[in-house]
N, C-alpha and C. Protein backbone atom coordinates (compact mmCIF):
# COMPACT_ATOMS: atom_id res chain seq x y z
N UNK A 1 -67.42 52.79 28.63
CA UNK A 1 -66.68 53.38 29.74
C UNK A 1 -65.97 54.63 29.25
N UNK A 2 -66.18 55.72 30.00
CA UNK A 2 -65.48 56.97 29.67
C UNK A 2 -64.08 56.91 30.27
N UNK A 3 -63.32 57.99 30.07
CA UNK A 3 -61.97 58.03 30.64
C UNK A 3 -62.08 58.25 32.16
N UNK A 4 -61.65 57.28 32.95
CA UNK A 4 -61.74 57.44 34.41
C UNK A 4 -60.89 58.62 34.92
N UNK A 5 -61.34 59.19 36.01
CA UNK A 5 -60.64 60.28 36.68
C UNK A 5 -59.84 59.68 37.84
N UNK A 6 -58.59 60.10 37.98
CA UNK A 6 -57.76 59.64 39.08
C UNK A 6 -57.83 60.65 40.21
N UNK A 7 -58.01 60.13 41.43
CA UNK A 7 -58.05 60.99 42.62
C UNK A 7 -57.48 60.23 43.80
N UNK A 8 -57.17 60.98 44.86
CA UNK A 8 -56.63 60.36 46.07
C UNK A 8 -57.68 59.46 46.73
N UNK A 9 -57.21 58.38 47.34
CA UNK A 9 -58.07 57.48 48.10
C UNK A 9 -58.72 58.23 49.25
N UNK A 10 -60.01 58.00 49.45
CA UNK A 10 -60.75 58.56 50.57
C UNK A 10 -61.25 57.42 51.45
N UNK A 11 -61.50 57.68 52.71
CA UNK A 11 -61.92 56.62 53.62
C UNK A 11 -63.24 55.99 53.17
N UNK A 12 -64.09 56.76 52.48
CA UNK A 12 -65.36 56.22 52.01
C UNK A 12 -65.18 55.18 50.90
N UNK A 13 -63.97 55.09 50.31
CA UNK A 13 -63.68 54.10 49.27
C UNK A 13 -63.39 52.72 49.85
N UNK A 14 -63.10 52.64 51.13
CA UNK A 14 -62.58 51.39 51.71
C UNK A 14 -63.52 50.19 51.51
N UNK A 15 -64.82 50.28 51.79
CA UNK A 15 -65.68 49.10 51.57
C UNK A 15 -65.67 48.64 50.10
N UNK A 16 -65.67 49.59 49.18
CA UNK A 16 -65.64 49.25 47.76
C UNK A 16 -64.33 48.55 47.41
N UNK A 17 -63.20 49.08 47.90
CA UNK A 17 -61.90 48.48 47.60
C UNK A 17 -61.80 47.07 48.17
N UNK A 18 -62.30 46.87 49.39
CA UNK A 18 -62.26 45.54 49.99
C UNK A 18 -63.09 44.55 49.16
N UNK A 19 -64.23 44.97 48.66
CA UNK A 19 -65.06 44.10 47.81
C UNK A 19 -64.36 43.81 46.48
N UNK A 20 -63.75 44.84 45.89
CA UNK A 20 -63.02 44.63 44.63
C UNK A 20 -61.83 43.70 44.83
N UNK A 21 -61.16 43.80 45.96
CA UNK A 21 -60.03 42.91 46.25
C UNK A 21 -60.46 41.44 46.17
N UNK A 22 -61.61 41.10 46.75
CA UNK A 22 -62.10 39.72 46.73
C UNK A 22 -62.35 39.28 45.29
N UNK A 23 -62.95 40.18 44.50
CA UNK A 23 -63.24 39.86 43.09
C UNK A 23 -61.96 39.70 42.28
N UNK A 24 -60.97 40.56 42.52
CA UNK A 24 -59.79 40.59 41.67
C UNK A 24 -58.66 39.68 42.15
N UNK A 25 -58.53 39.50 43.47
CA UNK A 25 -57.36 38.80 43.99
C UNK A 25 -57.69 37.57 44.84
N UNK A 26 -58.96 37.26 45.03
CA UNK A 26 -59.41 36.06 45.75
C UNK A 26 -58.61 35.82 47.03
N UNK A 27 -57.74 34.80 47.02
CA UNK A 27 -57.05 34.42 48.26
C UNK A 27 -56.03 35.44 48.75
N UNK A 28 -55.64 36.39 47.90
CA UNK A 28 -54.68 37.42 48.30
C UNK A 28 -55.37 38.74 48.67
N UNK A 29 -56.70 38.75 48.76
CA UNK A 29 -57.46 39.98 48.96
C UNK A 29 -57.14 40.66 50.28
N UNK A 30 -57.06 41.99 50.23
CA UNK A 30 -56.90 42.79 51.44
C UNK A 30 -58.28 43.01 52.06
N UNK A 31 -58.36 42.93 53.36
CA UNK A 31 -59.60 43.16 54.10
C UNK A 31 -59.83 44.65 54.31
N UNK A 32 -61.03 45.01 54.80
CA UNK A 32 -61.27 46.41 55.16
C UNK A 32 -60.27 46.86 56.21
N UNK A 33 -59.96 45.98 57.16
CA UNK A 33 -59.00 46.34 58.21
C UNK A 33 -57.63 46.64 57.61
N UNK A 34 -57.23 45.86 56.62
CA UNK A 34 -55.94 46.12 55.97
C UNK A 34 -55.96 47.47 55.26
N UNK A 35 -57.08 47.80 54.62
CA UNK A 35 -57.19 49.10 53.94
C UNK A 35 -57.14 50.25 54.94
N UNK A 36 -57.81 50.07 56.09
CA UNK A 36 -57.75 51.12 57.12
C UNK A 36 -56.32 51.33 57.59
N UNK A 37 -55.58 50.23 57.75
CA UNK A 37 -54.18 50.34 58.18
C UNK A 37 -53.35 51.07 57.13
N UNK A 38 -53.61 50.80 55.86
CA UNK A 38 -52.89 51.49 54.79
C UNK A 38 -53.20 52.99 54.82
N UNK A 39 -54.47 53.33 54.95
CA UNK A 39 -54.86 54.74 54.99
C UNK A 39 -54.26 55.45 56.20
N UNK A 40 -54.19 54.74 57.32
CA UNK A 40 -53.64 55.33 58.55
C UNK A 40 -52.13 55.56 58.45
N UNK A 41 -51.48 54.89 57.52
CA UNK A 41 -50.02 54.99 57.38
C UNK A 41 -49.59 56.18 56.51
N UNK A 42 -50.55 57.03 56.13
CA UNK A 42 -50.15 58.22 55.37
C UNK A 42 -49.35 59.14 56.27
N UNK A 43 -48.39 59.89 55.78
CA UNK A 43 -48.08 60.15 54.38
C UNK A 43 -47.12 59.13 53.75
N UNK A 44 -46.62 58.18 54.54
CA UNK A 44 -45.70 57.20 53.95
C UNK A 44 -46.41 56.37 52.87
N UNK A 45 -47.69 56.11 53.06
CA UNK A 45 -48.49 55.40 52.05
C UNK A 45 -49.22 56.45 51.22
N UNK A 46 -49.32 56.19 49.92
CA UNK A 46 -49.97 57.12 48.99
C UNK A 46 -50.79 56.30 48.00
N UNK A 47 -52.12 56.46 48.06
CA UNK A 47 -53.02 55.68 47.22
C UNK A 47 -53.85 56.56 46.30
N UNK A 48 -54.16 56.02 45.13
CA UNK A 48 -54.97 56.69 44.14
C UNK A 48 -56.07 55.72 43.69
N UNK A 49 -57.25 56.27 43.41
CA UNK A 49 -58.33 55.47 42.84
C UNK A 49 -58.73 56.08 41.51
N UNK A 50 -59.20 55.23 40.61
CA UNK A 50 -59.72 55.65 39.31
C UNK A 50 -61.23 55.50 39.38
N UNK A 51 -61.94 56.56 39.08
CA UNK A 51 -63.40 56.52 39.14
C UNK A 51 -63.98 56.88 37.77
N UNK A 52 -65.03 56.16 37.42
CA UNK A 52 -65.80 56.42 36.21
C UNK A 52 -67.22 56.71 36.70
N UNK A 53 -67.60 57.99 36.69
CA UNK A 53 -68.86 58.38 37.31
C UNK A 53 -68.73 58.18 38.81
N UNK A 54 -69.60 57.34 39.37
CA UNK A 54 -69.51 57.05 40.80
C UNK A 54 -68.96 55.65 41.07
N UNK A 55 -68.40 55.02 40.05
CA UNK A 55 -67.86 53.67 40.18
C UNK A 55 -66.33 53.70 40.28
N UNK A 56 -65.78 52.99 41.27
CA UNK A 56 -64.34 52.80 41.34
C UNK A 56 -63.99 51.70 40.34
N UNK A 57 -63.11 52.02 39.39
CA UNK A 57 -62.74 51.05 38.35
C UNK A 57 -61.28 50.64 38.43
N UNK A 58 -60.53 51.23 39.35
CA UNK A 58 -59.14 50.86 39.52
C UNK A 58 -58.54 51.59 40.69
N UNK A 59 -57.36 51.11 41.10
CA UNK A 59 -56.67 51.72 42.23
C UNK A 59 -55.23 51.26 42.26
N UNK A 60 -54.43 52.00 43.00
CA UNK A 60 -53.04 51.63 43.18
C UNK A 60 -52.46 52.41 44.34
N UNK A 61 -51.32 51.92 44.84
CA UNK A 61 -50.72 52.62 45.96
C UNK A 61 -49.26 52.32 46.15
N UNK A 62 -48.64 53.19 46.93
CA UNK A 62 -47.20 53.17 47.18
C UNK A 62 -46.90 53.16 48.67
N UNK A 63 -45.73 52.64 48.99
CA UNK A 63 -45.09 52.86 50.28
C UNK A 63 -43.78 53.56 49.96
N UNK A 64 -43.59 54.75 50.53
CA UNK A 64 -42.38 55.51 50.23
C UNK A 64 -41.53 55.60 51.49
N UNK A 65 -40.31 55.11 51.39
CA UNK A 65 -39.38 55.12 52.51
C UNK A 65 -38.05 55.63 52.01
N UNK A 66 -37.80 56.89 52.24
CA UNK A 66 -36.54 57.48 51.77
C UNK A 66 -36.50 57.56 50.26
N UNK A 67 -35.41 57.09 49.67
CA UNK A 67 -35.26 57.21 48.22
C UNK A 67 -35.82 56.02 47.46
N UNK A 68 -36.43 55.06 48.16
CA UNK A 68 -37.02 53.90 47.50
C UNK A 68 -38.51 53.85 47.80
N UNK A 69 -39.29 53.66 46.76
CA UNK A 69 -40.74 53.48 46.91
C UNK A 69 -41.08 52.06 46.47
N UNK A 70 -42.09 51.49 47.12
CA UNK A 70 -42.57 50.15 46.76
C UNK A 70 -44.00 50.28 46.27
N UNK A 71 -44.28 49.68 45.12
CA UNK A 71 -45.64 49.60 44.62
C UNK A 71 -46.35 48.55 45.46
N UNK A 72 -47.36 48.97 46.23
CA UNK A 72 -48.06 48.06 47.13
C UNK A 72 -49.12 47.24 46.39
N UNK A 73 -49.85 47.90 45.51
CA UNK A 73 -50.91 47.24 44.75
C UNK A 73 -51.29 48.10 43.57
N UNK A 74 -51.82 47.45 42.55
CA UNK A 74 -52.38 48.15 41.40
C UNK A 74 -53.40 47.20 40.79
N UNK A 75 -54.57 47.72 40.45
CA UNK A 75 -55.63 46.85 39.94
C UNK A 75 -56.62 47.65 39.10
N UNK A 76 -57.24 46.97 38.16
CA UNK A 76 -58.33 47.52 37.36
C UNK A 76 -59.43 46.47 37.30
N UNK A 77 -60.68 46.92 37.37
CA UNK A 77 -61.80 45.99 37.27
C UNK A 77 -61.78 45.36 35.88
N UNK A 78 -62.35 44.17 35.73
CA UNK A 78 -62.31 43.50 34.42
C UNK A 78 -62.80 44.35 33.25
N UNK A 79 -63.86 45.13 33.44
CA UNK A 79 -64.39 45.95 32.35
C UNK A 79 -63.42 47.04 31.92
N UNK A 80 -62.46 47.40 32.79
CA UNK A 80 -61.50 48.46 32.47
C UNK A 80 -60.16 47.89 32.00
N UNK A 81 -59.99 46.60 32.06
CA UNK A 81 -58.71 46.00 31.68
C UNK A 81 -58.53 46.05 30.16
N UNK A 82 -57.28 46.24 29.74
CA UNK A 82 -56.97 46.31 28.32
C UNK A 82 -57.30 47.64 27.68
N UNK A 83 -57.59 48.66 28.50
CA UNK A 83 -57.97 49.98 27.98
C UNK A 83 -57.00 51.07 28.40
N UNK A 84 -55.84 50.68 28.94
CA UNK A 84 -54.83 51.66 29.30
C UNK A 84 -54.92 52.18 30.72
N UNK A 85 -55.89 51.69 31.51
CA UNK A 85 -56.03 52.19 32.87
C UNK A 85 -54.84 51.79 33.73
N UNK A 86 -54.36 50.56 33.59
CA UNK A 86 -53.19 50.13 34.37
C UNK A 86 -51.99 51.02 34.09
N UNK A 87 -51.79 51.37 32.83
CA UNK A 87 -50.68 52.26 32.46
C UNK A 87 -50.86 53.63 33.11
N UNK A 88 -52.09 54.17 33.05
CA UNK A 88 -52.35 55.48 33.66
C UNK A 88 -52.10 55.45 35.16
N UNK A 89 -52.60 54.40 35.82
CA UNK A 89 -52.37 54.28 37.27
C UNK A 89 -50.89 54.17 37.58
N UNK A 90 -50.18 53.32 36.82
CA UNK A 90 -48.75 53.14 37.06
C UNK A 90 -47.99 54.44 36.84
N UNK A 91 -48.29 55.15 35.77
CA UNK A 91 -47.61 56.42 35.50
C UNK A 91 -47.89 57.43 36.62
N UNK A 92 -49.13 57.46 37.11
CA UNK A 92 -49.47 58.36 38.21
C UNK A 92 -48.68 57.99 39.46
N UNK A 93 -48.56 56.70 39.73
CA UNK A 93 -47.82 56.26 40.92
C UNK A 93 -46.33 56.58 40.80
N UNK A 94 -45.78 56.46 39.60
CA UNK A 94 -44.37 56.84 39.39
C UNK A 94 -44.21 58.33 39.70
N UNK A 95 -45.12 59.17 39.21
CA UNK A 95 -45.05 60.61 39.48
C UNK A 95 -45.18 60.89 40.98
N UNK A 96 -46.07 60.17 41.64
CA UNK A 96 -46.23 60.36 43.09
C UNK A 96 -44.95 59.97 43.82
N UNK A 97 -44.33 58.86 43.42
CA UNK A 97 -43.08 58.43 44.05
C UNK A 97 -42.00 59.48 43.85
N UNK A 98 -41.89 60.02 42.63
CA UNK A 98 -40.92 61.08 42.37
C UNK A 98 -41.21 62.30 43.23
N UNK A 99 -42.49 62.63 43.39
CA UNK A 99 -42.89 63.76 44.21
C UNK A 99 -42.50 63.60 45.67
N UNK A 100 -42.40 62.36 46.12
CA UNK A 100 -41.96 62.07 47.49
C UNK A 100 -40.43 62.00 47.58
N UNK A 101 -39.74 62.19 46.46
CA UNK A 101 -38.28 62.17 46.47
C UNK A 101 -37.65 60.83 46.19
N UNK A 102 -38.44 59.84 45.80
CA UNK A 102 -37.87 58.51 45.52
C UNK A 102 -37.07 58.54 44.22
N UNK A 103 -36.01 57.74 44.18
CA UNK A 103 -35.21 57.61 42.97
C UNK A 103 -35.32 56.21 42.36
N UNK A 104 -36.03 55.31 43.06
CA UNK A 104 -36.28 53.98 42.53
C UNK A 104 -37.65 53.52 43.00
N UNK A 105 -38.31 52.75 42.13
CA UNK A 105 -39.60 52.16 42.45
C UNK A 105 -39.47 50.66 42.29
N UNK A 106 -39.82 49.93 43.34
CA UNK A 106 -39.76 48.47 43.34
C UNK A 106 -41.17 47.90 43.36
N UNK A 107 -41.32 46.70 42.82
CA UNK A 107 -42.59 46.00 42.89
C UNK A 107 -42.35 44.50 42.83
N UNK A 108 -43.36 43.77 43.27
CA UNK A 108 -43.37 42.31 43.12
C UNK A 108 -44.57 41.97 42.26
N UNK A 109 -44.38 41.05 41.33
CA UNK A 109 -45.47 40.61 40.45
C UNK A 109 -45.43 39.10 40.35
N UNK A 110 -46.61 38.50 40.30
CA UNK A 110 -46.67 37.06 40.12
C UNK A 110 -46.00 36.69 38.81
N UNK A 111 -45.16 35.68 38.85
CA UNK A 111 -44.44 35.25 37.65
C UNK A 111 -45.40 34.77 36.55
N UNK A 112 -46.62 34.37 36.93
CA UNK A 112 -47.59 33.89 35.95
C UNK A 112 -48.56 34.98 35.48
N UNK A 113 -48.34 36.25 35.86
CA UNK A 113 -49.22 37.33 35.46
C UNK A 113 -48.62 38.04 34.25
N UNK A 114 -48.83 37.45 33.09
CA UNK A 114 -48.21 37.98 31.86
C UNK A 114 -48.64 39.40 31.52
N UNK A 115 -49.94 39.76 31.61
CA UNK A 115 -50.31 41.15 31.28
C UNK A 115 -49.60 42.16 32.18
N UNK A 116 -49.52 41.89 33.47
CA UNK A 116 -48.86 42.82 34.39
C UNK A 116 -47.37 42.91 34.08
N UNK A 117 -46.73 41.77 33.84
CA UNK A 117 -45.29 41.79 33.51
C UNK A 117 -45.03 42.62 32.25
N UNK A 118 -45.88 42.46 31.24
CA UNK A 118 -45.72 43.25 30.00
C UNK A 118 -45.85 44.74 30.28
N UNK A 119 -46.87 45.10 31.09
CA UNK A 119 -47.06 46.51 31.43
C UNK A 119 -45.82 47.07 32.10
N UNK A 120 -45.30 46.38 33.10
CA UNK A 120 -44.15 46.87 33.84
C UNK A 120 -42.92 46.97 32.94
N UNK A 121 -42.70 45.97 32.11
CA UNK A 121 -41.53 46.01 31.22
C UNK A 121 -41.65 47.17 30.23
N UNK A 122 -42.84 47.39 29.69
CA UNK A 122 -43.04 48.50 28.74
C UNK A 122 -42.85 49.86 29.40
N UNK A 123 -43.05 49.94 30.71
CA UNK A 123 -42.89 51.20 31.43
C UNK A 123 -41.50 51.31 32.05
N UNK A 124 -40.56 50.43 31.66
CA UNK A 124 -39.17 50.60 32.05
C UNK A 124 -38.71 49.82 33.28
N UNK A 125 -39.53 48.90 33.78
CA UNK A 125 -39.11 48.08 34.92
C UNK A 125 -38.28 46.90 34.43
N UNK A 126 -37.31 46.51 35.26
CA UNK A 126 -36.48 45.35 34.95
C UNK A 126 -36.53 44.39 36.12
N UNK A 127 -36.48 43.09 35.82
CA UNK A 127 -36.48 42.07 36.87
C UNK A 127 -35.10 42.04 37.50
N UNK A 128 -35.06 42.15 38.85
CA UNK A 128 -33.77 42.15 39.54
C UNK A 128 -33.60 40.92 40.43
N UNK A 129 -34.69 40.23 40.76
CA UNK A 129 -34.57 38.98 41.52
C UNK A 129 -35.90 38.23 41.49
N UNK A 130 -35.86 37.00 42.00
CA UNK A 130 -37.04 36.15 42.07
C UNK A 130 -37.21 35.68 43.51
N UNK A 131 -38.42 35.76 44.01
CA UNK A 131 -38.75 35.20 45.32
C UNK A 131 -39.52 33.91 45.07
N UNK A 132 -38.85 32.80 45.29
CA UNK A 132 -39.44 31.49 45.01
C UNK A 132 -40.63 31.20 45.91
N UNK A 133 -41.69 30.69 45.28
CA UNK A 133 -42.88 30.22 46.00
C UNK A 133 -43.46 31.30 46.92
N UNK A 134 -43.37 32.55 46.51
CA UNK A 134 -43.79 33.69 47.33
C UNK A 134 -45.31 33.73 47.51
N UNK A 135 -46.04 33.51 46.41
CA UNK A 135 -47.50 33.59 46.47
C UNK A 135 -48.08 32.24 46.85
N UNK A 136 -48.83 32.25 47.97
CA UNK A 136 -49.47 31.03 48.48
C UNK A 136 -50.97 31.26 48.58
N UNK A 137 -51.80 30.26 48.40
CA UNK A 137 -51.42 28.94 47.94
C UNK A 137 -51.02 28.97 46.47
N UNK A 138 -50.41 27.92 46.03
CA UNK A 138 -50.06 27.79 44.62
C UNK A 138 -48.58 27.78 44.32
N UNK A 139 -47.75 28.16 45.31
CA UNK A 139 -46.30 28.12 45.10
C UNK A 139 -45.85 28.91 43.87
N UNK A 140 -46.43 30.08 43.66
CA UNK A 140 -46.09 30.90 42.50
C UNK A 140 -44.96 31.86 42.89
N UNK A 141 -43.94 31.91 42.03
CA UNK A 141 -42.82 32.81 42.26
C UNK A 141 -43.25 34.27 42.09
N UNK A 142 -42.55 35.16 42.78
CA UNK A 142 -42.70 36.61 42.60
C UNK A 142 -41.45 37.12 41.91
N UNK A 143 -41.65 37.93 40.89
CA UNK A 143 -40.53 38.63 40.27
C UNK A 143 -40.43 39.98 40.95
N UNK A 144 -39.24 40.32 41.40
CA UNK A 144 -38.99 41.65 41.97
C UNK A 144 -38.46 42.50 40.83
N UNK A 145 -39.17 43.61 40.57
CA UNK A 145 -38.80 44.48 39.46
C UNK A 145 -38.50 45.87 40.00
N UNK A 146 -37.65 46.59 39.26
CA UNK A 146 -37.22 47.92 39.68
C UNK A 146 -37.21 48.86 38.47
N UNK A 147 -37.54 50.11 38.76
CA UNK A 147 -37.41 51.18 37.77
C UNK A 147 -36.71 52.34 38.47
N UNK A 148 -35.68 52.88 37.83
CA UNK A 148 -35.04 54.10 38.33
C UNK A 148 -35.91 55.26 37.90
N UNK A 149 -36.17 56.17 38.82
CA UNK A 149 -37.04 57.32 38.55
C UNK A 149 -36.39 58.60 39.06
N UNK A 150 -36.84 59.73 38.56
CA UNK A 150 -36.37 61.02 39.04
C UNK A 150 -34.85 61.12 39.11
N UNK A 151 -34.35 62.29 39.24
CA UNK A 151 -32.91 62.53 39.48
C UNK A 151 -31.98 61.76 38.57
N UNK A 152 -30.77 61.52 39.08
CA UNK A 152 -29.76 60.77 38.32
C UNK A 152 -29.61 59.39 38.92
N UNK A 153 -29.11 58.47 38.13
CA UNK A 153 -29.07 57.07 38.54
C UNK A 153 -27.68 56.46 38.48
N UNK A 154 -26.68 57.24 38.19
CA UNK A 154 -25.32 56.75 38.17
C UNK A 154 -25.08 55.65 37.29
């Protein structure tokens, strides 16, 4: 795998993203309809895809509302995991949030997703609360994490 190129989400990516969602997130997968709704919510929503040749190998997105941005999703295909793509996507999303004027970025992560938690902690996110039994089925807690970005943070 070469170094993937990051670019803005295009409507032609939607079928691929919906298929990847099923592979990567099973019961939590977003449908094509959900992706269309996300794309229609621009400019408040901001999505990026990582492509290697003509293959989508990762993606991520934000919801930006005033000075707070929420990380909506971030994912890498199995062949791209452990190669720094998640870090690149996350760093790009932080820059996009700053570009929209956000001063904080929030996210929720499954409490049992150790690789994702490590990535977020290494990139400066801190756990600020827990949402008990948030992910269903399975009764898995969500950790709410925050990173201060851009500007001053008092």
